[in-house]
Amino acid sequence: RQAPGREREFVATITRITRSTYYADSVKGRFTISRDNAKNTVFLQ
């Protein structure tokens, strides 16, 4: 994500094989990343 006047920053990632998830400290416990490979779609709740 990128806010006005700020650098782009990491929010979350889900890996390709193990589907491990990683989150920025600022969003842990609030945001959830997931993927649906059948739909070729990644989500951020």
All heavy atoms as atom14 arrays in JSON, in Angstrom:
{
  "sequence": "RQAPGREREFVATITRITRSTYYADSVKGRFTISRDNAKNTVFLQ",
  "atom14_mask": [
    [1, 1, 1, 1, 1, 1, 1, 1, 1, 1, 1, 0, 0, 0],
    [1, 1, 1, 1, 1, 1, 1, 1, 1, 0, 0, 0, 0, 0],
    [1, 1, 1, 1, 1, 0, 0, 0, 0, 0, 0, 0, 0, 0],
    [1, 1, 1, 1, 1, 1, 1, 0, 0, 0, 0, 0, 0, 0],
    [1, 1, 1, 1, 0, 0, 0, 0, 0, 0, 0, 0, 0, 0],
    [1, 1, 1, 1, 1, 1, 1, 1, 1, 1, 1, 0, 0, 0],
    [1, 1, 1, 1, 1, 1, 1, 1, 1, 0, 0, 0, 0, 0],
    [1, 1, 1, 1, 1, 1, 1, 1, 1, 1, 1, 0, 0, 0],
    [1, 1, 1, 1, 1, 1, 1, 1, 1, 0, 0, 0, 0, 0],
    [1, 1, 1, 1, 1, 1, 1, 1, 1, 1, 1, 0, 0, 0],
    [1, 1, 1, 1, 1, 1, 1, 0, 0, 0, 0, 0, 0, 0],
    [1, 1, 1, 1, 1, 0, 0, 0, 0, 0, 0, 0, 0, 0],
    [1, 1, 1, 1, 1, 1, 1, 0, 0, 0, 0, 0, 0, 0],
    [1, 1, 1, 1, 1, 1, 1, 1, 0, 0, 0, 0, 0, 0],
    [1, 1, 1, 1, 1, 1, 1, 0, 0, 0, 0, 0, 0, 0],
    [1, 1, 1, 1, 1, 1, 1, 1, 1, 1, 1, 0, 0, 0],
    [1, 1, 1, 1, 1, 1, 1, 1, 0, 0, 0, 0, 0, 0],
    [1, 1, 1, 1, 1, 1, 1, 0, 0, 0, 0, 0, 0, 0],
    [1, 1, 1, 1, 1, 1, 1, 1, 1, 1, 1, 0, 0, 0],
    [1, 1, 1, 1, 1, 1, 0, 0, 0, 0, 0, 0, 0, 0],
    [1, 1, 1, 1, 1, 1, 1, 0, 0, 0, 0, 0, 0, 0],
    [1, 1, 1, 1, 1, 1, 1, 1, 1, 1, 1, 1, 0, 0],
    [1, 1, 1, 1, 1, 1, 1, 1, 1, 1, 1, 1, 0, 0],
    [1, 1, 1, 1, 1, 0, 0, 0, 0, 0, 0, 0, 0, 0],
    [1, 1, 1, 1, 1, 1, 1, 1, 0, 0, 0, 0, 0, 0],
    [1, 1, 1, 1, 1, 1, 0, 0, 0, 0, 0, 0, 0, 0],
    [1, 1, 1, 1, 1, 1, 1, 0, 0, 0, 0, 0, 0, 0],
    [1, 1, 1, 1, 1, 1, 1, 1, 1, 0, 0, 0, 0, 0],
    [1, 1, 1, 1, 0, 0, 0, 0, 0, 0, 0, 0, 0, 0],
    [1, 1, 1, 1, 1, 1, 1, 1, 1, 1, 1, 0, 0, 0],
    [1, 1, 1, 1, 1, 1, 1, 1, 1, 1, 1, 0, 0, 0],
    [1, 1, 1, 1, 1, 1, 1, 0, 0, 0, 0, 0, 0, 0],
    [1, 1, 1, 1, 1, 1, 1, 1, 0, 0, 0, 0, 0, 0],
    [1, 1, 1, 1, 1, 1, 0, 0, 0, 0, 0, 0, 0, 0],
    [1, 1, 1, 1, 1, 1, 1, 1, 1, 1, 1, 0, 0, 0],
    [1, 1, 1, 1, 1, 1, 1, 1, 0, 0, 0, 0, 0, 0],
    [1, 1, 1, 1, 1, 1, 1, 1, 0, 0, 0, 0, 0, 0],
    [1, 1, 1, 1, 1, 0, 0, 0, 0, 0, 0, 0, 0, 0],
    [1, 1, 1, 1, 1, 1, 1, 1, 1, 0, 0, 0, 0, 0],
    [1, 1, 1, 1, 1, 1, 1, 1, 0, 0, 0, 0, 0, 0],
    [1, 1, 1, 1, 1, 1, 1, 0, 0, 0, 0, 0, 0, 0],
    [1, 1, 1, 1, 1, 1, 1, 0, 0, 0, 0, 0, 0, 0],
    [1, 1, 1, 1, 1, 1, 1, 1, 1, 1, 1, 0, 0, 0],
    [1, 1, 1, 1, 1, 1, 1, 1, 0, 0, 0, 0, 0, 0],
    [1, 1, 1, 1, 1, 1, 1, 1, 1, 0, 0, 0, 0, 0]
  ],
  "atom14_positions": [
    [[0.83, -1.19, 0.0], [0.0, 0.0, 0.0], [0.87, 1.25, 0.0], [2.02, 1.22, 0.44], [-0.96, 0.02, 1.2], [-0.27, 0.14, 2.55], [-1.28, -0.06, 3.67], [-0.68, 0.1, 4.98], [-1.31, -0.14, 6.13], [-2.58, -0.54, 6.12], [-0.68, 0.03, 7.28], [0.0, 0.0, 0.0], [0.0, 0.0, 0.0], [0.0, 0.0, 0.0]],
    [[0.3, 2.33, -0.49], [1.02, 3.58, -0.55], [0.07, 4.73, -0.24], [-0.93, 4.93, -0.93], [1.65, 3.79, -1.93], [2.55, 5.0, -2.01], [3.39, 5.01, -3.27], [3.04, 4.37, -4.25], [4.5, 5.73, -3.24], [0.0, 0.0, 0.0], [0.0, 0.0, 0.0], [0.0, 0.0, 0.0], [0.0, 0.0, 0.0], [0.0, 0.0, 0.0]],
    [[0.38, 5.46, 0.8], [-0.37, 6.63, 1.18], [0.27, 7.87, 0.56], [1.47, 7.86, 0.26], [-0.42, 6.77, 2.71], [0.0, 0.0, 0.0], [0.0, 0.0, 0.0], [0.0, 0.0, 0.0], [0.0, 0.0, 0.0], [0.0, 0.0, 0.0], [0.0, 0.0, 0.0], [0.0, 0.0, 0.0], [0.0, 0.0, 0.0], [0.0, 0.0, 0.0]],
    [[-0.49, 8.94, 0.37], [0.08, 10.16, -0.21], [1.29, 10.64, 0.58], [1.25, 10.73, 1.81], [-1.07, 11.15, -0.12], [-2.29, 10.3, -0.17], [-1.93, 9.07, 0.62], [0.0, 0.0, 0.0], [0.0, 0.0, 0.0], [0.0, 0.0, 0.0], [0.0, 0.0, 0.0], [0.0, 0.0, 0.0], [0.0, 0.0, 0.0], [0.0, 0.0, 0.0]],
    [[2.37, 10.95, -0.13], [3.56, 11.45, 0.51], [4.42, 10.41, 1.2], [5.42, 10.76, 1.82], [0.0, 0.0, 0.0], [0.0, 0.0, 0.0], [0.0, 0.0, 0.0], [0.0, 0.0, 0.0], [0.0, 0.0, 0.0], [0.0, 0.0, 0.0], [0.0, 0.0, 0.0], [0.0, 0.0, 0.0], [0.0, 0.0, 0.0], [0.0, 0.0, 0.0]],
    [[4.04, 9.14, 1.08], [4.79, 8.08, 1.72], [5.25, 7.05, 0.69], [4.71, 6.98, -0.41], [3.95, 7.39, 2.79], [3.5, 8.3, 3.93], [2.76, 7.52, 4.98], [3.59, 6.49, 5.59], [3.17, 5.64, 6.52], [1.92, 5.68, 6.94], [4.01, 4.74, 7.03], [0.0, 0.0, 0.0], [0.0, 0.0, 0.0], [0.0, 0.0, 0.0]],
    [[6.24, 6.28, 1.07], [6.73, 5.22, 0.21], [5.78, 4.03, 0.25], [5.04, 3.83, 1.22], [8.12, 4.77, 0.64], [9.19, 5.83, 0.48], [10.57, 5.32, 0.85], [10.66, 4.25, 1.48], [11.55, 5.99, 0.51], [0.0, 0.0, 0.0], [0.0, 0.0, 0.0], [0.0, 0.0, 0.0], [0.0, 0.0, 0.0], [0.0, 0.0, 0.0]],
    [[5.81, 3.26, -0.81], [5.03, 2.04, -0.84], [5.54, 1.08, 0.22], [6.75, 0.89, 0.38], [5.11, 1.4, -2.22], [4.13, 0.27, -2.44], [4.06, -0.13, -3.91], [3.65, 0.98, -4.75], [3.39, 0.88, -6.05], [3.49, -0.29, -6.66], [3.03, 1.94, -6.74], [0.0, 0.0, 0.0], [0.0, 0.0, 0.0], [0.0, 0.0, 0.0]],
    [[4.63, 0.46, 0.96], [5.01, -0.41, 2.05], [4.33, -1.77, 1.96], [3.22, -1.9, 1.44], [4.71, 0.24, 3.41], [3.23, 0.43, 3.69], [2.97, 1.0, 5.06], [3.94, 1.25, 5.81], [1.79, 1.2, 5.42], [0.0, 0.0, 0.0], [0.0, 0.0, 0.0], [0.0, 0.0, 0.0], [0.0, 0.0, 0.0], [0.0, 0.0, 0.0]],
    [[5.0, -2.75, 2.51], [4.52, -4.11, 2.54], [3.32, -4.24, 3.47], [3.29, -3.66, 4.54], [5.65, -5.03, 3.01], [5.22, -6.41, 3.38], [4.93, -7.35, 2.4], [5.13, -6.79, 4.7], [4.55, -8.64, 2.74], [4.75, -8.07, 5.05], [4.46, -8.98, 4.07], [0.0, 0.0, 0.0], [0.0, 0.0, 0.0], [0.0, 0.0, 0.0]],
    [[2.35, -5.05, 3.04], [1.18, -5.35, 3.86], [1.11, -6.83, 4.19], [1.08, -7.21, 5.35], [-0.13, -4.91, 3.17], [-1.34, -5.33, 4.0], [-0.13, -3.4, 2.95], [0.0, 0.0, 0.0], [0.0, 0.0, 0.0], [0.0, 0.0, 0.0], [0.0, 0.0, 0.0], [0.0, 0.0, 0.0], [0.0, 0.0, 0.0], [0.0, 0.0, 0.0]],
    [[1.09, -7.67, 3.16], [0.96, -9.11, 3.38], [1.38, -9.87, 2.14], [1.31, -9.36, 1.03], [-0.48, -9.47, 3.75], [0.0, 0.0, 0.0], [0.0, 0.0, 0.0], [0.0, 0.0, 0.0], [0.0, 0.0, 0.0], [0.0, 0.0, 0.0], [0.0, 0.0, 0.0], [0.0, 0.0, 0.0], [0.0, 0.0, 0.0], [0.0, 0.0, 0.0]],
    [[1.79, -11.13, 2.33], [2.14, -12.01, 1.23], [1.69, -13.43, 1.55], [1.75, -13.85, 2.72], [3.65, -12.0, 0.95], [4.04, -10.74, 0.42], [4.04, -13.08, -0.06], [0.0, 0.0, 0.0], [0.0, 0.0, 0.0], [0.0, 0.0, 0.0], [0.0, 0.0, 0.0], [0.0, 0.0, 0.0], [0.0, 0.0, 0.0], [0.0, 0.0, 0.0]],
    [[1.26, -14.15, 0.54], [0.99, -15.57, 0.65], [1.84, -16.28, -0.39], [1.86, -15.89, -1.56], [-0.51, -15.88, 0.49], [-0.77, -17.38, 0.71], [-1.05, -15.42, -0.86], [-2.25, -17.7, 0.92], [0.0, 0.0, 0.0], [0.0, 0.0, 0.0], [0.0, 0.0, 0.0], [0.0, 0.0, 0.0], [0.0, 0.0, 0.0], [0.0, 0.0, 0.0]],
    [[2.57, -17.31, 0.02], [3.52, -17.95, -0.86], [2.85, -18.9, -1.84], [1.69, -19.28, -1.68], [4.6, -18.7, -0.07], [4.01, -19.76, 0.68], [5.32, -17.75, 0.88], [0.0, 0.0, 0.0], [0.0, 0.0, 0.0], [0.0, 0.0, 0.0], [0.0, 0.0, 0.0], [0.0, 0.0, 0.0], [0.0, 0.0, 0.0], [0.0, 0.0, 0.0]],
    [[3.59, -19.3, -2.85], [3.02, -20.03, -3.98], [2.77, -21.51, -3.71], [1.84, -22.08, -4.26], [3.91, -19.88, -5.2], [5.31, -20.43, -5.02], [6.18, -20.16, -6.23], [7.53, -20.67, -6.05], [8.48, -20.58, -6.95], [8.23, -19.98, -8.12], [9.69, -21.07, -6.7], [0.0, 0.0, 0.0], [0.0, 0.0, 0.0], [0.0, 0.0, 0.0]],
    [[3.61, -22.14, -2.92], [3.52, -23.58, -2.72], [2.95, -23.92, -1.35], [1.93, -24.6, -1.24], [4.89, -24.25, -2.91], [5.38, -24.02, -4.34], [4.79, -25.75, -2.62], [6.78, -24.54, -4.6], [0.0, 0.0, 0.0], [0.0, 0.0, 0.0], [0.0, 0.0, 0.0], [0.0, 0.0, 0.0], [0.0, 0.0, 0.0], [0.0, 0.0, 0.0]],
    [[3.62, -23.49, -0.32], [3.17, -23.81, 1.03], [2.01, -22.94, 1.49], [1.35, -23.26, 2.48], [4.32, -23.65, 2.03], [4.73, -22.28, 2.09], [5.5, -24.52, 1.63], [0.0, 0.0, 0.0], [0.0, 0.0, 0.0], [0.0, 0.0, 0.0], [0.0, 0.0, 0.0], [0.0, 0.0, 0.0], [0.0, 0.0, 0.0], [0.0, 0.0, 0.0]],
    [[1.79, -21.84, 0.79], [0.76, -20.87, 1.15], [0.97, -20.31, 2.55], [0.01, -20.0, 3.26], [-0.64, -21.47, 0.99], [-0.93, -21.94, -0.42], [-2.34, -22.4, -0.6], [-2.54, -22.94, -1.94], [-3.7, -23.35, -2.42], [-4.79, -23.27, -1.67], [-3.79, -23.84, -3.64], [0.0, 0.0, 0.0], [0.0, 0.0, 0.0], [0.0, 0.0, 0.0]],
    [[2.23, -20.18, 2.89], [2.56, -19.49, 4.13], [2.2, -18.02, 4.0], [2.26, -17.45, 2.92], [4.06, -19.63, 4.43], [4.42, -20.99, 4.6], [0.0, 0.0, 0.0], [0.0, 0.0, 0.0], [0.0, 0.0, 0.0], [0.0, 0.0, 0.0], [0.0, 0.0, 0.0], [0.0, 0.0, 0.0], [0.0, 0.0, 0.0], [0.0, 0.0, 0.0]],
    [[1.82, -17.42, 5.11], [1.42, -16.03, 5.09], [2.34, -15.18, 5.94], [2.87, -15.63, 6.96], [-0.03, -15.87, 5.57], [-0.16, -16.43, 6.88], [-0.98, -16.57, 4.63], [0.0, 0.0, 0.0], [0.0, 0.0, 0.0], [0.0, 0.0, 0.0], [0.0, 0.0, 0.0], [0.0, 0.0, 0.0], [0.0, 0.0, 0.0], [0.0, 0.0, 0.0]],
    [[2.52, -13.95, 5.5], [3.37, -12.99, 6.19], [2.64, -11.66, 6.23], [2.0, -11.26, 5.26], [4.71, -12.84, 5.45], [5.46, -14.13, 5.31], [5.18, -15.01, 4.27], [6.45, -14.48, 6.22], [5.86, -16.21, 4.14], [7.14, -15.67, 6.1], [6.84, -16.53, 5.06], [7.53, -17.72, 4.94], [0.0, 0.0, 0.0], [0.0, 0.0, 0.0]],
    [[2.76, -10.98, 7.36], [2.05, -9.73, 7.55], [2.95, -8.66, 8.14], [3.83, -8.95, 8.95], [0.85, -9.92, 8.49], [-0.18, -10.87, 7.99], [-0.15, -12.22, 8.34], [-1.21, -10.43, 7.16], [-1.11, -13.1, 7.87], [-2.18, -11.31, 6.69], [-2.12, -12.64, 7.06], [-3.08, -13.52, 6.6], [0.0, 0.0, 0.0], [0.0, 0.0, 0.0]],
    [[2.7, -7.44, 7.74], [3.31, -6.32, 8.42], [2.77, -6.24, 9.84], [1.61, -6.57, 10.09], [3.02, -5.02, 7.67], [0.0, 0.0, 0.0], [0.0, 0.0, 0.0], [0.0, 0.0, 0.0], [0.0, 0.0, 0.0], [0.0, 0.0, 0.0], [0.0, 0.0, 0.0], [0.0, 0.0, 0.0], [0.0, 0.0, 0.0], [0.0, 0.0, 0.0]],
    [[3.6, -5.8, 10.76], [3.18, -5.71, 12.16], [1.93, -4.83, 12.31], [1.09, -5.09, 13.18], [4.3, -5.16, 13.02], [5.43, -6.15, 13.23], [5.21, -7.35, 13.0], [6.53, -5.72, 13.63], [0.0, 0.0, 0.0], [0.0, 0.0, 0.0], [0.0, 0.0, 0.0], [0.0, 0.0, 0.0], [0.0, 0.0, 0.0], [0.0, 0.0, 0.0]],
    [[1.81, -3.83, 11.48], [0.72, -2.89, 11.59], [-0.65, -3.49, 11.27], [-1.68, -2.92, 11.64], [0.97, -1.68, 10.69], [1.09, -2.07, 9.34], [0.0, 0.0, 0.0], [0.0, 0.0, 0.0], [0.0, 0.0, 0.0], [0.0, 0.0, 0.0], [0.0, 0.0, 0.0], [0.0, 0.0, 0.0], [0.0, 0.0, 0.0], [0.0, 0.0, 0.0]],
    [[-0.67, -4.64, 10.59], [-1.94, -5.23, 10.18], [-2.18, -6.61, 10.78], [-3.26, -7.18, 10.59], [-2.07, -5.31, 8.65], [-1.84, -3.94, 8.03], [-1.11, -6.34, 8.07], [0.0, 0.0, 0.0], [0.0, 0.0, 0.0], [0.0, 0.0, 0.0], [0.0, 0.0, 0.0], [0.0, 0.0, 0.0], [0.0, 0.0, 0.0], [0.0, 0.0, 0.0]],
    [[-1.23, -7.15, 11.5], [-1.38, -8.47, 12.1], [-2.6, -8.5, 13.02], [-2.81, -7.61, 13.82], [-0.14, -8.86, 12.88], [1.04, -9.27, 12.03], [2.23, -9.66, 12.88], [3.41, -10.08, 12.02], [4.6, -10.4, 12.84], [0.0, 0.0, 0.0], [0.0, 0.0, 0.0], [0.0, 0.0, 0.0], [0.0, 0.0, 0.0], [0.0, 0.0, 0.0]],
    [[-3.38, -9.56, 12.87], [-4.58, -9.71, 13.68], [-5.79, -9.01, 13.11], [-6.91, -9.25, 13.59], [0.0, 0.0, 0.0], [0.0, 0.0, 0.0], [0.0, 0.0, 0.0], [0.0, 0.0, 0.0], [0.0, 0.0, 0.0], [0.0, 0.0, 0.0], [0.0, 0.0, 0.0], [0.0, 0.0, 0.0], [0.0, 0.0, 0.0], [0.0, 0.0, 0.0]],
    [[-5.59, -8.16, 12.11], [-6.71, -7.45, 11.49], [-6.92, -7.84, 10.03], [-8.05, -7.93, 9.57], [-6.48, -5.94, 11.56], [-6.39, -5.39, 12.98], [-6.38, -3.87, 12.98], [-5.22, -3.33, 12.28], [-5.29, -2.52, 11.23], [-6.48, -2.14, 10.76], [-4.19, -2.06, 10.65], [0.0, 0.0, 0.0], [0.0, 0.0, 0.0], [0.0, 0.0, 0.0]],
    [[-5.83, -8.07, 9.31], [-5.9, -8.41, 7.89], [-5.6, -9.89, 7.69], [-4.78, -10.47, 8.4], [-4.89, -7.6, 7.09], [-5.18, -6.13, 6.98], [-6.18, -5.52, 7.74], [-4.44, -5.34, 6.11], [-6.44, -4.17, 7.64], [-4.69, -3.99, 6.0], [-5.69, -3.4, 6.76], [0.0, 0.0, 0.0], [0.0, 0.0, 0.0], [0.0, 0.0, 0.0]],
    [[-6.22, -10.48, 6.68], [-5.97, -11.86, 6.32], [-5.82, -11.97, 4.81], [-6.7, -11.55, 4.06], [-7.11, -12.79, 6.77], [-7.28, -12.69, 8.19], [-6.78, -14.23, 6.42], [0.0, 0.0, 0.0], [0.0, 0.0, 0.0], [0.0, 0.0, 0.0], [0.0, 0.0, 0.0], [0.0, 0.0, 0.0], [0.0, 0.0, 0.0], [0.0, 0.0, 0.0]],
    [[-4.7, -12.53, 4.38], [-4.48, -12.75, 2.96], [-4.81, -14.21, 2.64], [-4.52, -15.11, 3.43], [-3.04, -12.4, 2.54], [-2.88, -12.46, 1.01], [-2.02, -13.3, 3.23], [-1.55, -11.89, 0.53], [0.0, 0.0, 0.0], [0.0, 0.0, 0.0], [0.0, 0.0, 0.0], [0.0, 0.0, 0.0], [0.0, 0.0, 0.0], [0.0, 0.0, 0.0]],
    [[-5.42, -14.44, 1.49], [-5.76, -15.79, 1.07], [-5.72, -15.84, -0.45], [-5.66, -14.81, -1.12], [-7.13, -16.21, 1.6], [-8.15, -15.36, 1.11], [0.0, 0.0, 0.0], [0.0, 0.0, 0.0], [0.0, 0.0, 0.0], [0.0, 0.0, 0.0], [0.0, 0.0, 0.0], [0.0, 0.0, 0.0], [0.0, 0.0, 0.0], [0.0, 0.0, 0.0]],
    [[-5.76, -17.05, -0.99], [-5.77, -17.19, -2.45], [-6.66, -18.34, -2.86], [-6.81, -19.33, -2.14], [-4.35, -17.37, -3.0], [-3.64, -18.65, -2.55], [-2.15, -18.59, -2.87], [-1.9, -18.52, -4.31], [-0.75, -18.14, -4.85], [0.26, -17.76, -4.07], [-0.61, -18.12, -6.17], [0.0, 0.0, 0.0], [0.0, 0.0, 0.0], [0.0, 0.0, 0.0]],
    [[-7.25, -18.2, -4.03], [-8.07, -19.23, -4.63], [-7.46, -19.51, -6.0], [-7.7, -18.77, -6.95], [-9.52, -18.76, -4.75], [-10.44, -19.85, -5.27], [-9.96, -20.82, -5.88], [-11.67, -19.73, -5.06], [0.0, 0.0, 0.0], [0.0, 0.0, 0.0], [0.0, 0.0, 0.0], [0.0, 0.0, 0.0], [0.0, 0.0, 0.0], [0.0, 0.0, 0.0]],
    [[-6.68, -20.56, -6.08], [-5.97, -20.85, -7.32], [-6.92, -21.23, -8.47], [-6.59, -21.01, -9.63], [-4.95, -21.97, -7.1], [-3.74, -21.51, -6.3], [-3.58, -20.32, -6.03], [-2.9, -22.45, -5.92], [0.0, 0.0, 0.0], [0.0, 0.0, 0.0], [0.0, 0.0, 0.0], [0.0, 0.0, 0.0], [0.0, 0.0, 0.0], [0.0, 0.0, 0.0]],
    [[-8.07, -21.79, -8.14], [-9.04, -22.13, -9.17], [-9.6, -20.88, -9.83], [-10.0, -20.91, -11.0], [-10.17, -22.97, -8.59], [0.0, 0.0, 0.0], [0.0, 0.0, 0.0], [0.0, 0.0, 0.0], [0.0, 0.0, 0.0], [0.0, 0.0, 0.0], [0.0, 0.0, 0.0], [0.0, 0.0, 0.0], [0.0, 0.0, 0.0], [0.0, 0.0, 0.0]],
    [[-9.64, -19.79, -9.1], [-10.15, -18.52, -9.62], [-9.05, -17.54, -9.99], [-9.33, -16.42, -10.42], [-11.08, -17.87, -8.59], [-12.33, -18.66, -8.28], [-13.19, -17.92, -7.27], [-14.45, -18.69, -6.94], [-15.38, -18.73, -8.09], [0.0, 0.0, 0.0], [0.0, 0.0, 0.0], [0.0, 0.0, 0.0], [0.0, 0.0, 0.0], [0.0, 0.0, 0.0]],
    [[-7.8, -17.96, -9.82], [-6.65, -17.08, -10.1], [-6.79, -15.75, -9.38], [-6.57, -14.67, -9.96], [-6.5, -16.85, -11.6], [-6.0, -18.07, -12.34], [-5.7, -19.1, -11.75], [-5.9, -17.95, -13.66], [0.0, 0.0, 0.0], [0.0, 0.0, 0.0], [0.0, 0.0, 0.0], [0.0, 0.0, 0.0], [0.0, 0.0, 0.0], [0.0, 0.0, 0.0]],
    [[-7.14, -15.82, -8.12], [-7.44, -14.62, -7.36], [-6.81, -14.68, -5.97], [-6.8, -15.73, -5.33], [-8.96, -14.43, -7.21], [-9.56, -14.39, -8.52], [-9.28, -13.13, -6.5], [0.0, 0.0, 0.0], [0.0, 0.0, 0.0], [0.0, 0.0, 0.0], [0.0, 0.0, 0.0], [0.0, 0.0, 0.0], [0.0, 0.0, 0.0], [0.0, 0.0, 0.0]],
    [[-6.29, -13.54, -5.54], [-5.81, -13.39, -4.19], [-6.68, -12.35, -3.49], [-7.13, -11.39, -4.13], [-4.31, -13.0, -4.15], [-4.07, -11.65, -4.82], [-3.79, -13.0, -2.72], [0.0, 0.0, 0.0], [0.0, 0.0, 0.0], [0.0, 0.0, 0.0], [0.0, 0.0, 0.0], [0.0, 0.0, 0.0], [0.0, 0.0, 0.0], [0.0, 0.0, 0.0]],
    [[-6.92, -12.54, -2.2], [-7.8, -11.67, -1.45], [-7.06, -11.05, -0.27], [-6.09, -11.6, 0.23], [-9.0, -12.44, -0.91], [-9.77, -13.18, -1.96], [-9.52, -14.51, -2.23], [-10.76, -12.54, -2.69], [-10.22, -15.2, -3.19], [-11.48, -13.22, -3.66], [-11.22, -14.54, -3.91], [0.0, 0.0, 0.0], [0.0, 0.0, 0.0], [0.0, 0.0, 0.0]],
    [[-7.56, -9.93, 0.16], [-7.1, -9.33, 1.4], [-8.33, -8.91, 2.19], [-9.0, -7.94, 1.83], [-6.2, -8.12, 1.15], [-5.58, -7.51, 2.41], [-4.57, -8.47, 3.03], [-4.91, -6.17, 2.09], [0.0, 0.0, 0.0], [0.0, 0.0, 0.0], [0.0, 0.0, 0.0], [0.0, 0.0, 0.0], [0.0, 0.0, 0.0], [0.0, 0.0, 0.0]],
    [[-8.64, -9.67, 3.22], [-9.74, -9.33, 4.11], [-9.22, -8.36, 5.17], [-8.3, -8.7, 5.91], [-10.3, -10.58, 4.78], [-11.44, -10.32, 5.76], [-12.67, -9.78, 5.08], [-13.09, -10.3, 4.05], [-13.27, -8.74, 5.65], [0.0, 0.0, 0.0], [0.0, 0.0, 0.0], [0.0, 0.0, 0.0], [0.0, 0.0, 0.0], [0.0, 0.0, 0.0]]
  ]
}
